[in-house]
């Protein structure tokens, strides 16, 4: 089994509580979200209309698509309401000192 690669993409100060930041990881657009006292990393694209999620509302553990309001769980990537029926990719996050590191490959949660 190969070990995951983690890439430093931002500093903690770049994503304050309630904040979001778009980064690129291995050519993929990833959205960092600071909610529920944790940094989450998800694919920055709604699975329904393929619109960026970074302009959407973020609340306690979810992000909403700014177009149709489909919400996604930030921990699992799973859709929480229609019109989205497919999940978005999630990325494992590590914090080392003040650096935010994200796994180089996103996955769909089980």
PDB file of N, CA and C in Angstrom:
ATOM      1  N   UNK A   1       0.840  -1.175   0.000  1.00  0.00           N
ATOM      2  CA  UNK A   1       0.000   0.000   0.000  1.00  0.00           C
ATOM      3  C   UNK A   1       0.895   1.252   0.000  1.00  0.00           C
ATOM      4  N   UNK A   2       0.616   2.174  -0.884  1.00  0.00           N
ATOM      5  CA  UNK A   2       1.433   3.381  -0.958  1.00  0.00           C
ATOM      6  C   UNK A   2       0.975   4.405   0.065  1.00  0.00           C
ATOM      7  N   UNK A   3       1.942   5.136   0.573  1.00  0.00           N
ATOM      8  CA  UNK A   3       1.634   6.168   1.561  1.00  0.00           C
ATOM      9  C   UNK A   3       1.076   7.397   0.854  1.00  0.00           C
ATOM     10  N   UNK A   4       0.103   8.047   1.489  1.00  0.00           N
ATOM     11  CA  UNK A   4      -0.504   9.252   0.921  1.00  0.00           C
ATOM     12  C   UNK A   4       0.501  10.393   0.912  1.00  0.00           C
ATOM     13  N   UNK A   5       0.370  11.228  -0.100  1.00  0.00           N
ATOM     14  CA  UNK A   5       1.181  12.429  -0.192  1.00  0.00           C
ATOM     15  C   UNK A   5       0.351  13.605   0.286  1.00  0.00           C
ATOM     16  N   UNK A   6       0.935  14.413   1.175  1.00  0.00           N
ATOM     17  CA  UNK A   6       0.252  15.610   1.670  1.00  0.00           C
ATOM     18  C   UNK A   6       1.019  16.839   1.212  1.00  0.00           C
ATOM     19  N   UNK A   7       0.284  17.848   0.792  1.00  0.00           N
ATOM     20  CA  UNK A   7       0.866  19.064   0.243  1.00  0.00           C
ATOM     21  C   UNK A   7       0.442  20.255   1.084  1.00  0.00           C
ATOM     22  N   UNK A   8       1.395  21.090   1.483  1.00  0.00           N
ATOM     23  CA  UNK A   8       1.071  22.315   2.224  1.00  0.00           C
ATOM     24  C   UNK A   8       0.395  23.284   1.260  1.00  0.00           C
ATOM     25  N   UNK A   9      -0.822  23.728   1.615  1.00  0.00           N
ATOM     26  CA  UNK A   9      -1.598  24.579   0.712  1.00  0.00           C
ATOM     27  C   UNK A   9      -1.961  25.941   1.298  1.00  0.00           C
ATOM     28  N   UNK A  10      -1.889  26.063   2.620  1.00  0.00           N
ATOM     29  CA  UNK A  10      -2.267  27.335   3.258  1.00  0.00           C
ATOM     30  C   UNK A  10      -1.777  27.319   4.697  1.00  0.00           C
ATOM     31  N   UNK A  11      -1.944  28.481   5.341  1.00  0.00           N
ATOM     32  CA  UNK A  11      -1.639  28.610   6.764  1.00  0.00           C
ATOM     33  C   UNK A  11      -2.954  28.732   7.512  1.00  0.00           C
ATOM     34  N   UNK A  12      -2.961  28.367   8.777  1.00  0.00           N
ATOM     35  CA  UNK A  12      -4.190  28.451   9.575  1.00  0.00           C
ATOM     36  C   UNK A  12      -4.791  29.853   9.544  1.00  0.00           C
ATOM     37  N   UNK A  13      -3.939  30.884   9.550  1.00  0.00           N
ATOM     38  CA  UNK A  13      -4.439  32.259   9.549  1.00  0.00           C
ATOM     39  C   UNK A  13      -5.176  32.605   8.250  1.00  0.00           C
ATOM     40  N   UNK A  14      -4.947  31.811   7.181  1.00  0.00           N
ATOM     41  CA  UNK A  14      -5.615  32.051   5.900  1.00  0.00           C
ATOM     42  C   UNK A  14      -7.074  31.592   5.895  1.00  0.00           C
ATOM     43  N   UNK A  15      -7.435  30.731   6.855  1.00  0.00           N
ATOM     44  CA  UNK A  15      -8.789  30.178   6.906  1.00  0.00           C
ATOM     45  C   UNK A  15      -9.309  30.302   8.338  1.00  0.00           C
ATOM     46  N   UNK A  16      -9.703  31.510   8.743  1.00  0.00           N
ATOM     47  CA  UNK A  16     -10.181  31.710  10.116  1.00  0.00           C
ATOM     48  C   UNK A  16     -11.510  30.991  10.347  1.00  0.00           C
ATOM     49  N   UNK A  17     -11.926  30.818  11.595  1.00  0.00           N
ATOM     50  CA  UNK A  17     -13.221  30.184  11.865  1.00  0.00           C
ATOM     51  C   UNK A  17     -14.333  30.847  11.044  1.00  0.00           C
ATOM     52  N   UNK A  18     -15.114  30.014  10.383  1.00  0.00           N
ATOM     53  CA  UNK A  18     -16.189  30.509   9.523  1.00  0.00           C
ATOM     54  C   UNK A  18     -15.718  30.902   8.141  1.00  0.00           C
ATOM     55  N   UNK A  19     -14.403  30.736   7.881  1.00  0.00           N
ATOM     56  CA  UNK A  19     -13.830  31.157   6.603  1.00  0.00           C
ATOM     57  C   UNK A  19     -13.644  30.016   5.620  1.00  0.00           C
ATOM     58  N   UNK A  20     -13.407  30.409   4.355  1.00  0.00           N
ATOM     59  CA  UNK A  20     -13.161  29.475   3.263  1.00  0.00           C
ATOM     60  C   UNK A  20     -11.987  29.994   2.447  1.00  0.00           C
ATOM     61  N   UNK A  21     -11.297  29.073   1.790  1.00  0.00           N
ATOM     62  CA  UNK A  21     -10.204  29.464   0.906  1.00  0.00           C
ATOM     63  C   UNK A  21     -10.069  28.424  -0.197  1.00  0.00           C
ATOM     64  N   UNK A  22      -9.982  28.909  -1.431  1.00  0.00           N
ATOM     65  CA  UNK A  22      -9.755  28.027  -2.579  1.00  0.00           C
ATOM     66  C   UNK A  22      -8.267  27.806  -2.760  1.00  0.00           C
ATOM     67  N   UNK A  23      -7.883  26.555  -2.989  1.00  0.00           N
ATOM     68  CA  UNK A  23      -6.498  26.212  -3.258  1.00  0.00           C
ATOM     69  C   UNK A  23      -6.470  25.210  -4.411  1.00  0.00           C
ATOM     70  N   UNK A  24      -5.289  24.979  -4.948  1.00  0.00           N
ATOM     71  CA  UNK A  24      -5.130  23.971  -5.993  1.00  0.00           C
ATOM     72  C   UNK A  24      -4.217  22.881  -5.467  1.00  0.00           C
ATOM     73  N   UNK A  25      -4.667  21.639  -5.603  1.00  0.00           N
ATOM     74  CA  UNK A  25      -3.906  20.481  -5.152  1.00  0.00           C
ATOM     75  C   UNK A  25      -3.756  19.532  -6.339  1.00  0.00           C
ATOM     76  N   UNK A  26      -2.517  19.381  -6.819  1.00  0.00           N
ATOM     77  CA  UNK A  26      -2.261  18.499  -7.955  1.00  0.00           C
ATOM     78  C   UNK A  26      -3.206  18.802  -9.121  1.00  0.00           C
ATOM     79  N   UNK A  27      -3.435  20.076  -9.392  1.00  0.00           N
ATOM     80  CA  UNK A  27      -4.273  20.490 -10.505  1.00  0.00           C
ATOM     81  C   UNK A  27      -5.766  20.505 -10.226  1.00  0.00           C
ATOM     82  N   UNK A  28      -6.173  20.086  -9.031  1.00  0.00           N
ATOM     83  CA  UNK A  28      -7.595  20.052  -8.666  1.00  0.00           C
ATOM     84  C   UNK A  28      -7.945  21.254  -7.789  1.00  0.00           C
ATOM     85  N   UNK A  29      -9.107  21.860  -8.056  1.00  0.00           N
ATOM     86  CA  UNK A  29      -9.566  22.980  -7.242  1.00  0.00           C
ATOM     87  C   UNK A  29     -10.225  22.424  -5.976  1.00  0.00           C
ATOM     88  N   UNK A  30      -9.654  22.810  -4.842  1.00  0.00           N
ATOM     89  CA  UNK A  30     -10.091  22.304  -3.546  1.00  0.00           C
ATOM     90  C   UNK A  30     -10.498  23.493  -2.681  1.00  0.00           C
ATOM     91  N   UNK A  31     -11.561  23.310  -1.911  1.00  0.00           N
ATOM     92  CA  UNK A  31     -12.058  24.351  -1.024  1.00  0.00           C
ATOM     93  C   UNK A  31     -11.775  23.964   0.419  1.00  0.00           C
ATOM     94  N   UNK A  32     -11.018  24.821   1.118  1.00  0.00           N
ATOM     95  CA  UNK A  32     -10.785  24.644   2.544  1.00  0.00           C
ATOM     96  C   UNK A  32     -11.891  25.368   3.292  1.00  0.00           C
ATOM     97  N   UNK A  33     -12.475  24.721   4.279  1.00  0.00           N
ATOM     98  CA  UNK A  33     -13.568  25.298   5.063  1.00  0.00           C
ATOM     99  C   UNK A  33     -13.271  25.121   6.541  1.00  0.00           C
ATOM    100  N   UNK A  34     -13.376  26.209   7.309  1.00  0.00           N
ATOM    101  CA  UNK A  34     -13.140  26.152   8.743  1.00  0.00           C
ATOM    102  C   UNK A  34     -14.482  26.295   9.446  1.00  0.00           C
ATOM    103  N   UNK A  35     -15.004  25.173   9.916  1.00  0.00           N
ATOM    104  CA  UNK A  35     -16.282  25.134  10.621  1.00  0.00           C
ATOM    105  C   UNK A  35     -16.252  23.993  11.624  1.00  0.00           C
ATOM    106  N   UNK A  36     -17.028  24.104  12.657  1.00  0.00           N
ATOM    107  CA  UNK A  36     -17.076  23.077  13.706  1.00  0.00           C
ATOM    108  C   UNK A  36     -15.691  22.827  14.301  1.00  0.00           C
ATOM    109  N   UNK A  37     -14.885  23.908  14.458  1.00  0.00           N
ATOM    110  CA  UNK A  37     -13.548  23.820  15.050  1.00  0.00           C
ATOM    111  C   UNK A  37     -12.628  22.860  14.299  1.00  0.00           C
ATOM    112  N   UNK A  38     -12.777  22.836  12.981  1.00  0.00           N
ATOM    113  CA  UNK A  38     -11.996  21.905  12.172  1.00  0.00           C
ATOM    114  C   UNK A  38     -11.840  22.462  10.755  1.00  0.00           C
ATOM    115  N   UNK A  39     -10.754  22.085  10.101  1.00  0.00           N
ATOM    116  CA  UNK A  39     -10.557  22.437   8.694  1.00  0.00           C
ATOM    117  C   UNK A  39     -10.964  21.233   7.844  1.00  0.00           C
ATOM    118  N   UNK A  40     -11.869  21.467   6.916  1.00  0.00           N
ATOM    119  CA  UNK A  40     -12.289  20.449   5.963  1.00  0.00           C
ATOM    120  C   UNK A  40     -11.759  20.839   4.589  1.00  0.00           C
ATOM    121  N   UNK A  41     -11.563  19.851   3.721  1.00  0.00           N
ATOM    122  CA  UNK A  41     -11.160  20.104   2.344  1.00  0.00           C
ATOM    123  C   UNK A  41     -12.059  19.278   1.426  1.00  0.00           C
ATOM    124  N   UNK A  42     -12.712  19.965   0.493  1.00  0.00           N
ATOM    125  CA  UNK A  42     -13.622  19.294  -0.434  1.00  0.00           C
ATOM    126  C   UNK A  42     -13.392  19.816  -1.847  1.00  0.00           C
ATOM    127  N   UNK A  43     -13.836  19.041  -2.788  1.00  0.00           N
ATOM    128  CA  UNK A  43     -13.827  19.444  -4.190  1.00  0.00           C
ATOM    129  C   UNK A  43     -14.629  20.744  -4.311  1.00  0.00           C
ATOM    130  N   UNK A  44     -14.093  21.725  -5.007  1.00  0.00           N
ATOM    131  CA  UNK A  44     -14.780  23.018  -5.121  1.00  0.00           C
ATOM    132  C   UNK A  44     -15.703  23.031  -6.338  1.00  0.00           C
ATOM    133  N   UNK A  45     -16.586  22.032  -6.370  1.00  0.00           N
ATOM    134  CA  UNK A  45     -17.518  21.964  -7.488  1.00  0.00           C
ATOM    135  C   UNK A  45     -18.759  21.178  -7.084  1.00  0.00           C
ATOM    136  N   UNK A  46     -19.915  21.778  -7.284  1.00  0.00           N
ATOM    137  CA  UNK A  46     -21.182  21.116  -7.003  1.00  0.00           C
ATOM    138  C   UNK A  46     -21.353  19.937  -7.964  1.00  0.00           C
ATOM    139  N   UNK A  47     -21.790  18.809  -7.460  1.00  0.00           N
ATOM    140  CA  UNK A  47     -21.983  17.633  -8.308  1.00  0.00           C
ATOM    141  C   UNK A  47     -23.246  17.742  -9.156  1.00  0.00           C
ATOM    142  N   UNK A  48     -24.080  18.724  -8.875  1.00  0.00           N
ATOM    143  CA  UNK A  48     -25.334  18.882  -9.619  1.00  0.00           C
ATOM    144  C   UNK A  48     -25.161  19.752 -10.858  1.00  0.00           C
ATOM    145  N   UNK A  49     -24.653  20.975 -10.707  1.00  0.00           N
ATOM    146  CA  UNK A  49     -24.517  21.886 -11.848  1.00  0.00           C
ATOM    147  C   UNK A  49     -23.065  22.260 -12.142  1.00  0.00           C
ATOM    148  N   UNK A  50     -22.127  21.608 -11.454  1.00  0.00           N
ATOM    149  CA  UNK A  50     -20.695  21.823 -11.686  1.00  0.00           C
ATOM    150  C   UNK A  50     -20.269  23.271 -11.465  1.00  0.00           C
ATOM    151  N   UNK A  51     -20.945  23.966 -10.576  1.00  0.00           N
ATOM    152  CA  UNK A  51     -20.604  25.341 -10.209  1.00  0.00           C
ATOM    153  C   UNK A  51     -19.665  25.323  -9.003  1.00  0.00           C
ATOM    154  N   UNK A  52     -18.787  26.330  -8.882  1.00  0.00           N
ATOM    155  CA  UNK A  52     -17.907  26.418  -7.713  1.00  0.00           C
ATOM    156  C   UNK A  52     -18.723  26.594  -6.428  1.00  0.00           C
ATOM    157  N   UNK A  53     -18.265  25.937  -5.382  1.00  0.00           N
ATOM    158  CA  UNK A  53     -18.949  26.020  -4.087  1.00  0.00           C
ATOM    159  C   UNK A  53     -18.434  27.153  -3.207  1.00  0.00           C
ATOM    160  N   UNK A  54     -17.313  27.780  -3.574  1.00  0.00           N
ATOM    161  CA  UNK A  54     -16.693  28.759  -2.684  1.00  0.00           C
ATOM    162  C   UNK A  54     -17.557  29.991  -2.432  1.00  0.00           C
ATOM    163  N   UNK A  55     -18.535  30.269  -3.289  1.00  0.00           N
ATOM    164  CA  UNK A  55     -19.436  31.405  -3.055  1.00  0.00           C
ATOM    165  C   UNK A  55     -20.698  30.994  -2.294  1.00  0.00           C
ATOM    166  N   UNK A  56     -20.808  29.716  -1.960  1.00  0.00           N
ATOM    167  CA  UNK A  56     -21.991  29.218  -1.259  1.00  0.00           C
ATOM    168  C   UNK A  56     -21.938  29.465   0.237  1.00  0.00           C
ATOM    169  N   UNK A  57     -23.106  29.355   0.861  1.00  0.00           N
ATOM    170  CA  UNK A  57     -23.195  29.493   2.323  1.00  0.00           C
ATOM    171  C   UNK A  57     -22.582  28.280   2.995  1.00  0.00           C
ATOM    172  N   UNK A  58     -21.883  28.537   4.087  1.00  0.00           N
ATOM    173  CA  UNK A  58     -21.311  27.462   4.882  1.00  0.00           C
ATOM    174  C   UNK A  58     -21.843  27.604   6.296  1.00  0.00           C
ATOM    175  N   UNK A  59     -22.293  26.510   6.834  1.00  0.00           N
ATOM    176  CA  UNK A  59     -22.774  26.511   8.209  1.00  0.00           C
ATOM    177  C   UNK A  59     -22.151  25.330   8.941  1.00  0.00           C
ATOM    178  N   UNK A  60     -22.719  24.963  10.009  1.00  0.00           N
ATOM    179  CA  UNK A  60     -22.191  23.948  10.914  1.00  0.00           C
ATOM    180  C   UNK A  60     -21.962  22.593  10.220  1.00  0.00           C
ATOM    181  N   UNK A  61     -20.844  22.492   9.489  1.00  0.00           N
ATOM    182  CA  UNK A  61     -20.478  21.222   8.881  1.00  0.00           C
ATOM    183  C   UNK A  61     -20.999  20.976   7.479  1.00  0.00           C
ATOM    184  N   UNK A  62     -21.595  21.978   6.842  1.00  0.00           N
ATOM    185  CA  UNK A  62     -22.039  21.811   5.458  1.00  0.00           C
ATOM    186  C   UNK A  62     -21.777  23.059   4.634  1.00  0.00           C
ATOM    187  N   UNK A  63     -21.776  22.871   3.314  1.00  0.00           N
ATOM    188  CA  UNK A  63     -21.637  23.979   2.369  1.00  0.00           C
ATOM    189  C   UNK A  63     -22.748  23.833   1.338  1.00  0.00           C
ATOM    190  N   UNK A  64     -23.299  24.971   0.908  1.00  0.00           N
ATOM    191  CA  UNK A  64     -24.395  24.955  -0.067  1.00  0.00           C
ATOM    192  C   UNK A  64     -23.932  25.513  -1.404  1.00  0.00           C
ATOM    193  N   UNK A  65     -24.434  24.928  -2.467  1.00  0.00           N
ATOM    194  CA  UNK A  65     -24.178  25.442  -3.802  1.00  0.00           C
ATOM    195  C   UNK A  65     -24.899  26.778  -3.944  1.00  0.00           C
ATOM    196  N   UNK A  66     -24.222  27.805  -4.467  1.00  0.00           N
ATOM    197  CA  UNK A  66     -24.856  29.118  -4.588  1.00  0.00           C
ATOM    198  C   UNK A  66     -25.930  29.172  -5.681  1.00  0.00           C
ATOM    199  N   UNK A  67     -26.003  28.188  -6.549  1.00  0.00           N
ATOM    200  CA  UNK A  67     -26.970  28.207  -7.649  1.00  0.00           C
ATOM    201  C   UNK A  67     -28.336  27.657  -7.234  1.00  0.00           C
ATOM    202  N   UNK A  68     -28.383  26.389  -6.800  1.00  0.00           N
ATOM    203  CA  UNK A  68     -29.667  25.764  -6.454  1.00  0.00           C
ATOM    204  C   UNK A  68     -29.793  25.410  -4.977  1.00  0.00           C
ATOM    205  N   UNK A  69     -28.784  25.702  -4.168  1.00  0.00           N
ATOM    206  CA  UNK A  69     -28.891  25.469  -2.728  1.00  0.00           C
ATOM    207  C   UNK A  69     -28.651  24.044  -2.273  1.00  0.00           C
ATOM    208  N   UNK A  70     -28.175  23.176  -3.155  1.00  0.00           N
ATOM    209  CA  UNK A  70     -27.853  21.814  -2.715  1.00  0.00           C
ATOM    210  C   UNK A  70     -26.753  21.900  -1.662  1.00  0.00           C
ATOM    211  N   UNK A  71     -26.962  21.189  -0.559  1.00  0.00           N
ATOM    212  CA  UNK A  71     -25.980  21.212   0.524  1.00  0.00           C
ATOM    213  C   UNK A  71     -25.194  19.909   0.563  1.00  0.00           C
ATOM    214  N   UNK A  72     -23.923  20.033   0.948  1.00  0.00           N
ATOM    215  CA  UNK A  72     -23.038  18.873   1.041  1.00  0.00           C
ATOM    216  C   UNK A  72     -22.406  18.825   2.420  1.00  0.00           C
ATOM    217  N   UNK A  73     -22.351  17.630   3.002  1.00  0.00           N
ATOM    218  CA  UNK A  73     -21.689  17.408   4.277  1.00  0.00           C
ATOM    219  C   UNK A  73     -20.184  17.544   4.038  1.00  0.00           C
ATOM    220  N   UNK A  74     -19.526  18.406   4.792  1.00  0.00           N
ATOM    221  CA  UNK A  74     -18.098  18.656   4.592  1.00  0.00           C
ATOM    222  C   UNK A  74     -17.220  17.488   5.039  1.00  0.00           C
ATOM    223  N   UNK A  75     -17.724  16.653   5.916  1.00  0.00           N
ATOM    224  CA  UNK A  75     -16.928  15.514   6.388  1.00  0.00           C
ATOM    225  C   UNK A  75     -16.991  14.343   5.421  1.00  0.00           C
ATOM    226  N   UNK A  76     -18.172  14.114   4.831  1.00  0.00           N
ATOM    227  CA  UNK A  76     -18.352  12.942   3.967  1.00  0.00           C
ATOM    228  C   UNK A  76     -18.473  13.293   2.488  1.00  0.00           C
ATOM    229  N   UNK A  77     -18.799  14.554   2.170  1.00  0.00           N
ATOM    230  CA  UNK A  77     -19.034  14.944   0.790  1.00  0.00           C
ATOM    231  C   UNK A  77     -20.404  14.562   0.272  1.00  0.00           C
ATOM    232  N   UNK A  78     -21.187  13.892   1.078  1.00  0.00           N
ATOM    233  CA  UNK A  78     -22.502  13.414   0.637  1.00  0.00           C
ATOM    234  C   UNK A  78     -23.502  14.559   0.557  1.00  0.00           C
ATOM    235  N   UNK A  79     -24.398  14.497  -0.453  1.00  0.00           N
ATOM    236  CA  UNK A  79     -25.422  15.525  -0.572  1.00  0.00           C
ATOM    237  C   UNK A  79     -26.432  15.386   0.570  1.00  0.00           C
ATOM    238  N   UNK A  80     -26.889  16.529   1.073  1.00  0.00           N
ATOM    239  CA  UNK A  80     -27.848  16.528   2.182  1.00  0.00           C
ATOM    240  C   UNK A  80     -29.266  16.822   1.721  1.00  0.00           C
ATOM    241  N   UNK A  81     -29.419  17.345   0.505  1.00  0.00           N
ATOM    242  CA  UNK A  81     -30.749  17.655  -0.008  1.00  0.00           C
ATOM    243  C   UNK A  81     -30.697  17.769  -1.536  1.00  0.00           C
ATOM    244  N   UNK A  82     -31.865  17.622  -2.183  1.00  0.00           N
ATOM    245  CA  UNK A  82     -31.926  17.815  -3.631  1.00  0.00           C
ATOM    246  C   UNK A  82     -31.649  19.276  -3.966  1.00  0.00           C
ATOM    247  N   UNK A  83     -31.256  19.588  -5.173  1.00  0.00           N
ATOM    248  CA  UNK A  83     -31.284  18.699  -6.329  1.00  0.00           C
ATOM    249  C   UNK A  83     -30.049  17.819  -6.479  1.00  0.00           C
ATOM    250  N   UNK A  84     -29.029  17.964  -5.662  1.00  0.00           N
ATOM    251  CA  UNK A  84     -27.832  17.113  -5.787  1.00  0.00           C
ATOM    252  C   UNK A  84     -28.150  15.697  -5.325  1.00  0.00           C
ATOM    253  N   UNK A  85     -27.673  14.725  -6.095  1.00  0.00           N
ATOM    254  CA  UNK A  85     -27.832  13.328  -5.689  1.00  0.00           C
ATOM    255  C   UNK A  85     -26.488  12.614  -5.606  1.00  0.00           C
ATOM    256  N   UNK A  86     -25.442  13.224  -6.168  1.00  0.00           N
ATOM    257  CA  UNK A  86     -24.113  12.624  -6.148  1.00  0.00           C
ATOM    258  C   UNK A  86     -23.212  13.373  -5.165  1.00  0.00           C
ATOM    259  N   UNK A  87     -22.282  12.654  -4.513  1.00  0.00           N
ATOM    260  CA  UNK A  87     -21.373  13.298  -3.558  1.00  0.00           C
ATOM    261  C   UNK A  87     -20.289  14.108  -4.262  1.00  0.00           C
ATOM    262  N   UNK A  88     -19.558  14.876  -3.477  1.00  0.00           N
ATOM    263  CA  UNK A  88     -18.366  15.565  -3.944  1.00  0.00           C
ATOM    264  C   UNK A  88     -17.159  14.905  -3.263  1.00  0.00           C
ATOM    265  N   UNK A  89     -15.983  15.051  -3.862  1.00  0.00           N
ATOM    266  CA  UNK A  89     -14.780  14.457  -3.283  1.00  0.00           C
ATOM    267  C   UNK A  89     -14.382  15.189  -2.010  1.00  0.00           C
ATOM    268  N   UNK A  90     -13.823  14.431  -1.102  1.00  0.00           N
ATOM    269  CA  UNK A  90     -13.256  14.997   0.116  1.00  0.00           C
ATOM    270  C   UNK A  90     -11.758  14.694   0.123  1.00  0.00           C
ATOM    271  N   UNK A  91     -11.024  15.540   0.819  1.00  0.00           N
ATOM    272  CA  UNK A  91      -9.573  15.404   0.912  1.00  0.00           C
ATOM    273  C   UNK A  91      -9.180  15.354   2.386  1.00  0.00           C
ATOM    274  N   UNK A  92      -8.283  14.442   2.719  1.00  0.00           N
ATOM    275  CA  UNK A  92      -7.797  14.347   4.097  1.00  0.00           C
ATOM    276  C   UNK A  92      -6.941  15.568   4.407  1.00  0.00           C
ATOM    277  N   UNK A  93      -7.105  16.096   5.616  1.00  0.00           N
ATOM    278  CA  UNK A  93      -6.380  17.295   6.046  1.00  0.00           C
ATOM    279  C   UNK A  93      -5.502  16.961   7.249  1.00  0.00           C
ATOM    280  N   UNK A  94      -4.311  17.521   7.245  1.00  0.00           N
ATOM    281  CA  UNK A  94      -3.414  17.444   8.408  1.00  0.00           C
ATOM    282  C   UNK A  94      -2.975  18.865   8.741  1.00  0.00           C
ATOM    283  N   UNK A  95      -2.800  19.112  10.020  1.00  0.00           N
ATOM    284  CA  UNK A  95      -2.275  20.396  10.479  1.00  0.00           C
ATOM    285  C   UNK A  95      -0.900  20.125  11.072  1.00  0.00           C
ATOM    286  N   UNK A  96       0.108  20.826  10.547  1.00  0.00           N
ATOM    287  CA  UNK A  96       1.476  20.708  11.078  1.00  0.00           C
ATOM    288  C   UNK A  96       1.940  22.103  11.419  1.00  0.00           C
ATOM    289  N   UNK A  97       2.024  22.390  12.709  1.00  0.00           N
ATOM    290  CA  UNK A  97       2.346  23.745  13.155  1.00  0.00           C
ATOM    291  C   UNK A  97       1.221  24.667  12.725  1.00  0.00           C
ATOM    292  N   UNK A  98       1.539  25.685  11.924  1.00  0.00           N
ATOM    293  CA  UNK A  98       0.525  26.606  11.406  1.00  0.00           C
ATOM    294  C   UNK A  98       0.169  26.308   9.953  1.00  0.00           C
ATOM    295  N   UNK A  99       0.667  25.185   9.424  1.00  0.00           N
ATOM    296  CA  UNK A  99       0.426  24.839   8.029  1.00  0.00           C
ATOM    297  C   UNK A  99      -0.742  23.875   7.877  1.00  0.00           C
ATOM    298  N   UNK A 100      -1.527  24.099   6.823  1.00  0.00           N
ATOM    299  CA  UNK A 100      -2.613  23.188   6.456  1.00  0.00           C
ATOM    300  C   UNK A 100      -2.107  22.348   5.295  1.00  0.00           C
ATOM    301  N   UNK A 101      -2.106  21.043   5.478  1.00  0.00           N
ATOM    302  CA  UNK A 101      -1.693  20.119   4.437  1.00  0.00           C
ATOM    303  C   UNK A 101      -2.905  19.307   3.978  1.00  0.00           C
ATOM    304  N   UNK A 102      -2.982  19.059   2.685  1.00  0.00           N
ATOM    305  CA  UNK A 102      -4.108  18.329   2.115  1.00  0.00           C
ATOM    306  C   UNK A 102      -3.564  17.149   1.319  1.00  0.00           C
ATOM    307  N   UNK A 103      -4.265  16.010   1.411  1.00  0.00           N
ATOM    308  CA  UNK A 103      -3.849  14.842   0.643  1.00  0.00           C
ATOM    309  C   UNK A 103      -3.937  15.157  -0.846  1.00  0.00           C
ATOM    310  N   UNK A 104      -3.041  14.572  -1.613  1.00  0.00           N
ATOM    311  CA  UNK A 104      -2.962  14.881  -3.034  1.00  0.00           C
ATOM    312  C   UNK A 104      -4.114  14.291  -3.840  1.00  0.00           C
ATOM    313  N   UNK A 105      -4.848  13.347  -3.266  1.00  0.00           N
ATOM    314  CA  UNK A 105      -5.952  12.730  -3.984  1.00  0.00           C
ATOM    315  C   UNK A 105      -7.234  12.810  -3.174  1.00  0.00           C
ATOM    316  N   UNK A 106      -8.287  13.284  -3.845  1.00  0.00           N
ATOM    317  CA  UNK A 106      -9.602  13.294  -3.226  1.00  0.00           C
ATOM    318  C   UNK A 106     -10.257  11.936  -3.371  1.00  0.00           C
ATOM    319  N   UNK A 107     -11.175  11.657  -2.462  1.00  0.00           N
ATOM    320  CA  UNK A 107     -11.905  10.381  -2.500  1.00  0.00           C
ATOM    321  C   UNK A 107     -13.385  10.642  -2.264  1.00  0.00           C
ATOM    322  N   UNK A 108     -14.194   9.687  -2.650  1.00  0.00           N
ATOM    323  CA  UNK A 108     -15.605   9.710  -2.320  1.00  0.00           C
ATOM    324  C   UNK A 108     -15.760   8.849  -1.075  1.00  0.00           C
ATOM    325  N   UNK A 109     -16.416   9.379  -0.054  1.00  0.00           N
ATOM    326  CA  UNK A 109     -16.597   8.637   1.197  1.00  0.00           C
ATOM    327  C   UNK A 109     -17.500   7.423   0.956  1.00  0.00           C
ATOM    328  N   UNK A 110     -17.325   6.422   1.783  1.00  0.00           N
ATOM    329  CA  UNK A 110     -18.175   5.230   1.685  1.00  0.00           C
ATOM    330  C   UNK A 110     -19.580   5.527   2.125  1.00  0.00           C
TER     331      UNK A 110
END
